[in-house]
PDB file of N, CA and C in Angstrom:
ATOM      1  N   MET A   1     -22.707   6.135 -39.923  1.00  0.00           N
ATOM      2  CA  MET A   1     -21.422   7.088 -40.015  1.00  0.00           C
ATOM      3  C   MET A   1     -20.749   6.070 -40.780  1.00  0.00           C
ATOM      4  N   PRO A   2     -19.929   6.764 -41.768  1.00  0.00           N
ATOM      5  CA  PRO A   2     -19.256   6.269 -42.838  1.00  0.00           C
ATOM      6  C   PRO A   2     -17.984   5.484 -42.254  1.00  0.00           C
ATOM      7  N   LYS A   3     -17.427   4.712 -42.874  1.00  0.00           N
ATOM      8  CA  LYS A   3     -16.428   3.935 -42.312  1.00  0.00           C
ATOM      9  C   LYS A   3     -15.129   4.520 -42.173  1.00  0.00           C
ATOM     10  N   ASP A   4     -14.767   5.678 -42.885  1.00  0.00           N
ATOM     11  CA  ASP A   4     -13.688   6.588 -42.644  1.00  0.00           C
ATOM     12  C   ASP A   4     -13.850   7.842 -41.986  1.00  0.00           C
ATOM     13  N   GLU A   5     -15.067   7.952 -41.269  1.00  0.00           N
ATOM     14  CA  GLU A   5     -15.397   9.036 -40.435  1.00  0.00           C
ATOM     15  C   GLU A   5     -14.653   8.764 -39.032  1.00  0.00           C
ATOM     16  N   LEU A   6     -14.193   9.672 -38.304  1.00  0.00           N
ATOM     17  CA  LEU A   6     -13.637   9.570 -37.040  1.00  0.00           C
ATOM     18  C   LEU A   6     -14.732   9.908 -35.950  1.00  0.00           C
ATOM     19  N   THR A   7     -14.585   9.363 -34.843  1.00  0.00           N
ATOM     20  CA  THR A   7     -15.495   9.587 -33.896  1.00  0.00           C
ATOM     21  C   THR A   7     -14.910  10.916 -33.198  1.00  0.00           C
ATOM     22  N   VAL A   8     -15.687  11.290 -32.185  1.00  0.00           N
ATOM     23  CA  VAL A   8     -15.230  12.594 -31.492  1.00  0.00           C
ATOM     24  C   VAL A   8     -14.169  12.212 -30.620  1.00  0.00           C
ATOM     25  N   GLU A   9     -14.104  11.273 -30.100  1.00  0.00           N
ATOM     26  CA  GLU A   9     -13.063  11.000 -29.101  1.00  0.00           C
ATOM     27  C   GLU A   9     -11.635  10.738 -29.960  1.00  0.00           C
ATOM     28  N   GLU A  10     -11.765  10.129 -30.867  1.00  0.00           N
ATOM     29  CA  GLU A  10     -10.509   9.889 -31.913  1.00  0.00           C
ATOM     30  C   GLU A  10     -10.088  11.277 -32.322  1.00  0.00           C
ATOM     31  N   ALA A  11     -11.059  12.072 -32.966  1.00  0.00           N
ATOM     32  CA  ALA A  11     -10.712  13.259 -33.582  1.00  0.00           C
ATOM     33  C   ALA A  11     -10.223  14.272 -32.314  1.00  0.00           C
ATOM     34  N   THR A  12     -10.595  14.297 -31.118  1.00  0.00           N
ATOM     35  CA  THR A  12     -10.071  14.905 -30.047  1.00  0.00           C
ATOM     36  C   THR A  12      -8.552  14.633 -29.592  1.00  0.00           C
ATOM     37  N   ALA A  13      -8.430  13.094 -29.674  1.00  0.00           N
ATOM     38  CA  ALA A  13      -6.913  12.871 -29.397  1.00  0.00           C
ATOM     39  C   ALA A  13      -5.823  12.979 -30.462  1.00  0.00           C
ATOM     40  N   ILE A  14      -6.458  13.012 -31.755  1.00  0.00           N
ATOM     41  CA  ILE A  14      -5.482  13.357 -32.943  1.00  0.00           C
ATOM     42  C   ILE A  14      -5.222  14.725 -32.760  1.00  0.00           C
ATOM     43  N   ALA A  15      -6.337  15.843 -32.606  1.00  0.00           N
ATOM     44  CA  ALA A  15      -6.019  17.194 -32.587  1.00  0.00           C
ATOM     45  C   ALA A  15      -5.241  17.565 -31.388  1.00  0.00           C
ATOM     46  N   GLU A  16      -5.208  16.785 -30.219  1.00  0.00           N
ATOM     47  CA  GLU A  16      -4.456  17.070 -29.096  1.00  0.00           C
ATOM     48  C   GLU A  16      -2.962  16.711 -29.427  1.00  0.00           C
ATOM     49  N   HIS A  17      -2.744  15.466 -30.063  1.00  0.00           N
ATOM     50  CA  HIS A  17      -1.400  15.092 -30.586  1.00  0.00           C
ATOM     51  C   HIS A  17      -0.813  16.162 -31.544  1.00  0.00           C
ATOM     52  N   ALA A  18      -1.521  16.632 -32.470  1.00  0.00           N
ATOM     53  CA  ALA A  18      -1.098  17.572 -33.509  1.00  0.00           C
ATOM     54  C   ALA A  18      -0.954  19.043 -32.889  1.00  0.00           C
ATOM     55  N   ARG A  19      -1.591  19.361 -31.953  1.00  0.00           N
ATOM     56  CA  ARG A  19      -1.261  20.716 -30.996  1.00  0.00           C
ATOM     57  C   ARG A  19      -0.099  20.528 -30.180  1.00  0.00           C
ATOM     58  N   SER A  20       0.221  19.288 -29.605  1.00  0.00           N
ATOM     59  CA  SER A  20       1.436  19.150 -28.818  1.00  0.00           C
ATOM     60  C   SER A  20       2.686  19.187 -29.698  1.00  0.00           C
ATOM     61  N   GLY A  21       2.441  18.823 -31.022  1.00  0.00           N
ATOM     62  CA  GLY A  21       3.732  18.561 -31.847  1.00  0.00           C
ATOM     63  C   GLY A  21       4.166  17.317 -32.041  1.00  0.00           C
ATOM     64  N   SER A  22       3.563  16.182 -31.473  1.00  0.00           N
ATOM     65  CA  SER A  22       4.012  14.668 -31.609  1.00  0.00           C
ATOM     66  C   SER A  22       3.633  14.166 -32.994  1.00  0.00           C
ATOM     67  N   LEU A  23       2.993  14.782 -33.962  1.00  0.00           N
ATOM     68  CA  LEU A  23       2.703  14.320 -35.116  1.00  0.00           C
ATOM     69  C   LEU A  23       3.412  15.050 -36.346  1.00  0.00           C
ATOM     70  N   PRO A  24       4.061  14.254 -37.194  1.00  0.00           N
ATOM     71  CA  PRO A  24       4.797  15.228 -38.307  1.00  0.00           C
ATOM     72  C   PRO A  24       3.788  15.537 -39.230  1.00  0.00           C
ATOM     73  N   LEU A  25       3.516  16.814 -39.208  1.00  0.00           N
ATOM     74  CA  LEU A  25       2.533  17.426 -40.039  1.00  0.00           C
ATOM     75  C   LEU A  25       3.060  17.928 -41.462  1.00  0.00           C
ATOM     76  N   ASP A  26       4.240  17.482 -41.903  1.00  0.00           N
ATOM     77  CA  ASP A  26       4.811  17.779 -42.937  1.00  0.00           C
ATOM     78  C   ASP A  26       4.571  16.463 -44.058  1.00  0.00           C
ATOM     79  N   ASP A  27       4.091  15.548 -43.212  1.00  0.00           N
ATOM     80  CA  ASP A  27       3.769  14.156 -44.246  1.00  0.00           C
ATOM     81  C   ASP A  27       2.322  14.574 -44.675  1.00  0.00           C
ATOM     82  N   PRO A  28       1.713  14.421 -45.843  1.00  0.00           N
ATOM     83  CA  PRO A  28       0.462  14.891 -46.449  1.00  0.00           C
ATOM     84  C   PRO A  28      -0.522  13.882 -45.856  1.00  0.00           C
ATOM     85  N   GLU A  29      -0.385  12.408 -45.731  1.00  0.00           N
ATOM     86  CA  GLU A  29      -1.327  11.723 -45.246  1.00  0.00           C
ATOM     87  C   GLU A  29      -1.781  12.272 -43.775  1.00  0.00           C
ATOM     88  N   VAL A  30      -0.661  12.250 -42.964  1.00  0.00           N
ATOM     89  CA  VAL A  30      -0.875  12.717 -41.436  1.00  0.00           C
ATOM     90  C   VAL A  30      -1.549  14.024 -41.375  1.00  0.00           C
ATOM     91  N   ARG A  31      -1.159  14.980 -42.279  1.00  0.00           N
ATOM     92  CA  ARG A  31      -2.015  16.335 -42.324  1.00  0.00           C
ATOM     93  C   ARG A  31      -3.369  16.021 -42.819  1.00  0.00           C
ATOM     94  N   ARG A  32      -3.588  15.100 -43.537  1.00  0.00           N
ATOM     95  CA  ARG A  32      -5.038  15.048 -44.161  1.00  0.00           C
ATOM     96  C   ARG A  32      -5.992  14.546 -42.926  1.00  0.00           C
ATOM     97  N   VAL A  33      -5.359  13.413 -42.086  1.00  0.00           N
ATOM     98  CA  VAL A  33      -6.040  12.839 -40.911  1.00  0.00           C
ATOM     99  C   VAL A  33      -6.130  13.941 -40.024  1.00  0.00           C
ATOM    100  N   VAL A  34      -5.250  14.813 -39.721  1.00  0.00           N
ATOM    101  CA  VAL A  34      -5.474  16.013 -38.843  1.00  0.00           C
ATOM    102  C   VAL A  34      -6.495  17.071 -39.084  1.00  0.00           C
ATOM    103  N   GLU A  35      -6.733  17.353 -40.647  1.00  0.00           N
ATOM    104  CA  GLU A  35      -7.693  18.086 -41.020  1.00  0.00           C
ATOM    105  C   GLU A  35      -9.117  17.449 -41.055  1.00  0.00           C
ATOM    106  N   GLN A  36      -9.048  16.187 -41.191  1.00  0.00           N
ATOM    107  CA  GLN A  36     -10.471  15.668 -41.037  1.00  0.00           C
ATOM    108  C   GLN A  36     -10.716  15.483 -39.545  1.00  0.00           C
ATOM    109  N   ALA A  37      -9.826  15.385 -38.563  1.00  0.00           N
ATOM    110  CA  ALA A  37     -10.226  15.374 -37.202  1.00  0.00           C
ATOM    111  C   ALA A  37     -10.497  16.986 -36.752  1.00  0.00           C
ATOM    112  N   ASN A  38      -9.835  17.785 -37.225  1.00  0.00           N
ATOM    113  CA  ASN A  38     -10.425  19.146 -36.997  1.00  0.00           C
ATOM    114  C   ASN A  38     -11.867  19.323 -37.521  1.00  0.00           C
ATOM    115  N   ARG A  39     -12.023  18.975 -38.814  1.00  0.00           N
ATOM    116  CA  ARG A  39     -13.487  19.059 -39.187  1.00  0.00           C
ATOM    117  C   ARG A  39     -14.500  18.318 -38.628  1.00  0.00           C
ATOM    118  N   THR A  40     -14.119  17.181 -38.102  1.00  0.00           N
ATOM    119  CA  THR A  40     -15.034  16.379 -37.171  1.00  0.00           C
ATOM    120  C   THR A  40     -15.327  17.034 -35.688  1.00  0.00           C
ATOM    121  N   LEU A  41     -14.340  17.686 -35.260  1.00  0.00           N
ATOM    122  CA  LEU A  41     -14.667  18.474 -33.936  1.00  0.00           C
ATOM    123  C   LEU A  41     -15.401  19.683 -34.191  1.00  0.00           C
ATOM    124  N   VAL A  42     -15.315  20.405 -35.379  1.00  0.00           N
ATOM    125  CA  VAL A  42     -16.130  21.495 -35.630  1.00  0.00           C
ATOM    126  C   VAL A  42     -17.532  21.079 -35.847  1.00  0.00           C
ATOM    127  N   ARG A  43     -17.646  20.026 -36.736  1.00  0.00           N
ATOM    128  CA  ARG A  43     -18.888  19.645 -37.017  1.00  0.00           C
ATOM    129  C   ARG A  43     -19.477  19.107 -35.541  1.00  0.00           C
ATOM    130  N   ALA A  44     -18.679  18.651 -34.737  1.00  0.00           N
ATOM    131  CA  ALA A  44     -19.641  18.173 -33.525  1.00  0.00           C
ATOM    132  C   ALA A  44     -19.902  19.452 -32.713  1.00  0.00           C
ATOM    133  N   GLN A  45     -19.162  20.368 -32.731  1.00  0.00           N
ATOM    134  CA  GLN A  45     -19.332  21.641 -31.967  1.00  0.00           C
ATOM    135  C   GLN A  45     -20.697  22.409 -32.674  1.00  0.00           C
ATOM    136  N   MET A  46     -20.729  22.200 -33.862  1.00  0.00           N
ATOM    137  CA  MET A  46     -21.878  22.826 -34.592  1.00  0.00           C
ATOM    138  C   MET A  46     -23.219  22.092 -34.385  1.00  0.00           C
ATOM    139  N   TRP A  47     -23.100  20.705 -34.669  1.00  0.00           N
ATOM    140  CA  TRP A  47     -24.534  20.108 -34.736  1.00  0.00           C
ATOM    141  C   TRP A  47     -24.440  19.086 -33.392  1.00  0.00           C
ATOM    142  N   GLY A  48     -23.604  19.159 -32.569  1.00  0.00           N
ATOM    143  CA  GLY A  48     -23.740  18.408 -31.363  1.00  0.00           C
ATOM    144  C   GLY A  48     -22.943  16.895 -31.534  1.00  0.00           C
ATOM    145  N   GLU A  49     -22.598  16.178 -30.494  1.00  0.00           N
ATOM    146  CA  GLU A  49     -21.931  15.032 -30.778  1.00  0.00           C
ATOM    147  C   GLU A  49     -22.576  13.862 -31.288  1.00  0.00           C
ATOM    148  N   ASP A  50     -23.823  13.766 -31.105  1.00  0.00           N
ATOM    149  CA  ASP A  50     -24.586  12.597 -31.532  1.00  0.00           C
ATOM    150  C   ASP A  50     -25.390  13.295 -32.683  1.00  0.00           C
ATOM    151  N   ARG A  51     -25.299  12.620 -33.797  1.00  0.00           N
ATOM    152  CA  ARG A  51     -25.476  13.150 -35.121  1.00  0.00           C
ATOM    153  C   ARG A  51     -27.404  12.848 -35.406  1.00  0.00           C
ATOM    154  N   SER A  52     -27.941  13.652 -34.734  1.00  0.00           N
ATOM    155  CA  SER A  52     -29.437  13.326 -34.596  1.00  0.00           C
ATOM    156  C   SER A  52     -30.046  14.111 -35.978  1.00  0.00           C
ATOM    157  N   PRO A  53     -30.709  13.531 -36.875  1.00  0.00           N
ATOM    158  CA  PRO A  53     -31.394  13.850 -38.157  1.00  0.00           C
ATOM    159  C   PRO A  53     -32.496  14.876 -37.647  1.00  0.00           C
ATOM    160  N   LYS A  54     -33.239  14.575 -36.690  1.00  0.00           N
ATOM    161  CA  LYS A  54     -34.150  15.571 -36.285  1.00  0.00           C
ATOM    162  C   LYS A  54     -33.602  16.929 -35.850  1.00  0.00           C
ATOM    163  N   LEU A  55     -32.538  16.849 -35.073  1.00  0.00           N
ATOM    164  CA  LEU A  55     -31.778  18.134 -34.718  1.00  0.00           C
ATOM    165  C   LEU A  55     -31.478  18.790 -35.939  1.00  0.00           C
ATOM    166  N   ARG A  56     -30.701  18.123 -36.910  1.00  0.00           N
ATOM    167  CA  ARG A  56     -30.123  18.664 -38.068  1.00  0.00           C
ATOM    168  C   ARG A  56     -31.379  19.452 -38.832  1.00  0.00           C
ATOM    169  N   ARG A  57     -32.395  18.764 -39.084  1.00  0.00           N
ATOM    170  CA  ARG A  57     -33.583  19.062 -39.686  1.00  0.00           C
ATOM    171  C   ARG A  57     -34.198  20.365 -39.050  1.00  0.00           C
ATOM    172  N   ARG A  58     -34.227  20.512 -37.847  1.00  0.00           N
ATOM    173  CA  ARG A  58     -34.552  21.577 -36.867  1.00  0.00           C
ATOM    174  C   ARG A  58     -33.818  22.755 -37.229  1.00  0.00           C
ATOM    175  N   ARG A  59     -32.400  22.739 -37.229  1.00  0.00           N
ATOM    176  CA  ARG A  59     -31.437  23.708 -37.272  1.00  0.00           C
ATOM    177  C   ARG A  59     -31.496  24.302 -38.875  1.00  0.00           C
ATOM    178  N   ARG A  60     -31.606  23.243 -39.565  1.00  0.00           N
ATOM    179  CA  ARG A  60     -31.771  23.781 -41.258  1.00  0.00           C
ATOM    180  C   ARG A  60     -33.003  24.578 -41.500  1.00  0.00           C
ATOM    181  N   TRP A  61     -34.087  24.087 -40.831  1.00  0.00           N
ATOM    182  CA  TRP A  61     -35.383  24.805 -41.036  1.00  0.00           C
ATOM    183  C   TRP A  61     -35.388  26.132 -40.486  1.00  0.00           C
ATOM    184  N   LEU A  62     -34.722  26.271 -39.338  1.00  0.00           N
ATOM    185  CA  LEU A  62     -34.559  27.551 -38.485  1.00  0.00           C
ATOM    186  C   LEU A  62     -33.626  28.405 -39.519  1.00  0.00           C
ATOM    187  N   ALA A  63     -32.592  27.978 -40.046  1.00  0.00           N
ATOM    188  CA  ALA A  63     -31.640  28.715 -40.849  1.00  0.00           C
ATOM    189  C   ALA A  63     -32.233  29.223 -42.063  1.00  0.00           C
ATOM    190  N   ALA A  64     -33.081  28.204 -42.639  1.00  0.00           N
ATOM    191  CA  ALA A  64     -33.885  28.649 -43.955  1.00  0.00           C
ATOM    192  C   ALA A  64     -35.103  29.728 -43.544  1.00  0.00           C
ATOM    193  N   SER A  65     -35.786  29.788 -42.582  1.00  0.00           N
ATOM    194  CA  SER A  65     -36.680  30.633 -42.148  1.00  0.00           C
ATOM    195  C   SER A  65     -35.942  31.989 -42.166  1.00  0.00           C
ATOM    196  N   ALA A  66     -34.779  31.928 -41.165  1.00  0.00           N
ATOM    197  CA  ALA A  66     -34.189  33.374 -41.198  1.00  0.00           C
ATOM    198  C   ALA A  66     -33.711  34.025 -42.432  1.00  0.00           C
ATOM    199  N   LEU A  67     -33.209  32.964 -43.241  1.00  0.00           N
ATOM    200  CA  LEU A  67     -32.941  33.662 -44.737  1.00  0.00           C
ATOM    201  C   LEU A  67     -33.958  34.116 -45.181  1.00  0.00           C
ATOM    202  N   VAL A  68     -34.908  33.346 -45.426  1.00  0.00           N
ATOM    203  CA  VAL A  68     -36.454  33.814 -46.013  1.00  0.00           C
ATOM    204  C   VAL A  68     -36.864  35.531 -45.455  1.00  0.00           C
ATOM    205  N   MET A  69     -36.744  35.360 -44.072  1.00  0.00           N
ATOM    206  CA  MET A  69     -37.050  36.621 -43.351  1.00  0.00           C
ATOM    207  C   MET A  69     -36.300  37.788 -43.921  1.00  0.00           C
ATOM    208  N   VAL A  70     -34.945  37.544 -43.805  1.00  0.00           N
ATOM    209  CA  VAL A  70     -33.941  38.565 -44.439  1.00  0.00           C
ATOM    210  C   VAL A  70     -34.210  39.080 -45.811  1.00  0.00           C
ATOM    211  N   LEU A  71     -34.459  37.995 -46.663  1.00  0.00           N
ATOM    212  CA  LEU A  71     -34.902  38.314 -48.031  1.00  0.00           C
ATOM    213  C   LEU A  71     -36.136  39.265 -48.247  1.00  0.00           C
ATOM    214  N   VAL A  72     -37.159  38.632 -47.532  1.00  0.00           N
ATOM    215  CA  VAL A  72     -38.384  39.511 -47.411  1.00  0.00           C
ATOM    216  C   VAL A  72     -38.000  41.000 -46.946  1.00  0.00           C
ATOM    217  N   TRP A  73     -37.399  41.286 -45.973  1.00  0.00           N
ATOM    218  CA  TRP A  73     -37.076  42.508 -45.373  1.00  0.00           C
ATOM    219  C   TRP A  73     -36.305  43.270 -46.565  1.00  0.00           C
ATOM    220  N   VAL A  74     -35.204  42.723 -47.141  1.00  0.00           N
ATOM    221  CA  VAL A  74     -34.422  43.335 -48.253  1.00  0.00           C
ATOM    222  C   VAL A  74     -35.373  43.623 -49.414  1.00  0.00           C
ATOM    223  N   ALA A  75     -36.280  42.873 -49.680  1.00  0.00           N
ATOM    224  CA  ALA A  75     -37.235  43.339 -50.964  1.00  0.00           C
ATOM    225  C   ALA A  75     -38.104  44.242 -50.498  1.00  0.00           C
ATOM    226  N   GLY A  76     -38.590  44.242 -49.200  1.00  0.00           N
ATOM    227  CA  GLY A  76     -39.484  45.512 -48.575  1.00  0.00           C
ATOM    228  C   GLY A  76     -38.627  46.746 -48.740  1.00  0.00           C
ATOM    229  N   LEU A  77     -37.419  46.663 -48.638  1.00  0.00           N
ATOM    230  CA  LEU A  77     -36.680  47.898 -48.727  1.00  0.00           C
ATOM    231  C   LEU A  77     -36.498  48.304 -50.301  1.00  0.00           C
ATOM    232  N   LEU A  78     -36.066  47.403 -51.171  1.00  0.00           N
ATOM    233  CA  LEU A  78     -35.685  47.733 -52.533  1.00  0.00           C
ATOM    234  C   LEU A  78     -36.955  47.720 -53.347  1.00  0.00           C
ATOM    235  N   VAL A  79     -37.971  47.334 -53.223  1.00  0.00           N
ATOM    236  CA  VAL A  79     -39.121  47.099 -54.189  1.00  0.00           C
ATOM    237  C   VAL A  79     -39.646  48.558 -54.228  1.00  0.00           C
ATOM    238  N   PRO A  80     -40.049  49.129 -53.079  1.00  0.00           N
ATOM    239  CA  PRO A  80     -40.667  50.369 -53.206  1.00  0.00           C
ATOM    240  C   PRO A  80     -39.536  51.552 -53.818  1.00  0.00           C
ATOM    241  N   LEU A  81     -38.263  51.465 -53.405  1.00  0.00           N
ATOM    242  CA  LEU A  81     -37.204  52.263 -53.958  1.00  0.00           C
ATOM    243  C   LEU A  81     -37.233  52.045 -55.554  1.00  0.00           C
ATOM    244  N   ALA A  82     -37.245  50.831 -56.102  1.00  0.00           N
ATOM    245  CA  ALA A  82     -37.398  50.482 -57.329  1.00  0.00           C
ATOM    246  C   ALA A  82     -38.617  51.177 -58.083  1.00  0.00           C
ATOM    247  N   PHE A  83     -39.695  51.243 -57.599  1.00  0.00           N
ATOM    248  CA  PHE A  83     -40.810  51.945 -58.145  1.00  0.00           C
ATOM    249  C   PHE A  83     -40.801  53.291 -58.034  1.00  0.00           C
ATOM    250  N   ARG A  84     -40.121  53.777 -57.172  1.00  0.00           N
ATOM    251  CA  ARG A  84     -39.978  55.318 -56.895  1.00  0.00           C
ATOM    252  C   ARG A  84     -39.297  56.077 -57.850  1.00  0.00           C
ATOM    253  N   LEU A  85     -38.154  54.858 -58.108  1.00  0.00           N
ATOM    254  CA  LEU A  85     -37.031  55.559 -59.257  1.00  0.00           C
ATOM    255  C   LEU A  85     -37.599  55.001 -60.795  1.00  0.00           C
ATOM    256  N   GLY A  86     -38.789  54.471 -60.815  1.00  0.00           N
ATOM    257  CA  GLY A  86     -39.195  54.223 -62.152  1.00  0.00           C
ATOM    258  C   GLY A  86     -38.414  52.890 -62.791  1.00  0.00           C
ATOM    259  N   LEU A  87     -37.961  52.078 -62.034  1.00  0.00           N
ATOM    260  CA  LEU A  87     -37.087  50.824 -62.671  1.00  0.00           C
ATOM    261  C   LEU A  87     -38.069  49.635 -63.111  1.00  0.00           C
TER     262      LEU A  87
END
C-alpha cells in the first residue's frame, strides 16, 4: 500500500466526520482528503477490503471475458447485416 493511501478504517472515520459536518469542506486540502477517503471506500466495496491480487486478476479476467462475449454477439448481428447490405 502506498504511503499516502488511507486504510478502510481511516477512510470510514473521515467519511463519517464529513457527513456529520464536523469537517470544513470549503478548505481544498480537507476536501481532497475527504474525496480520497470516499474513493478508498468505493474501492473497498468494489474489490474487497483486503487487496488480493488474485481476486483482482480473477475479476478483471471475468470482466474481459464478458466484454469479449458482448463484442462477439454484436459482431454476429452486424456482420451478416453488412454482407446483406453489400458493405
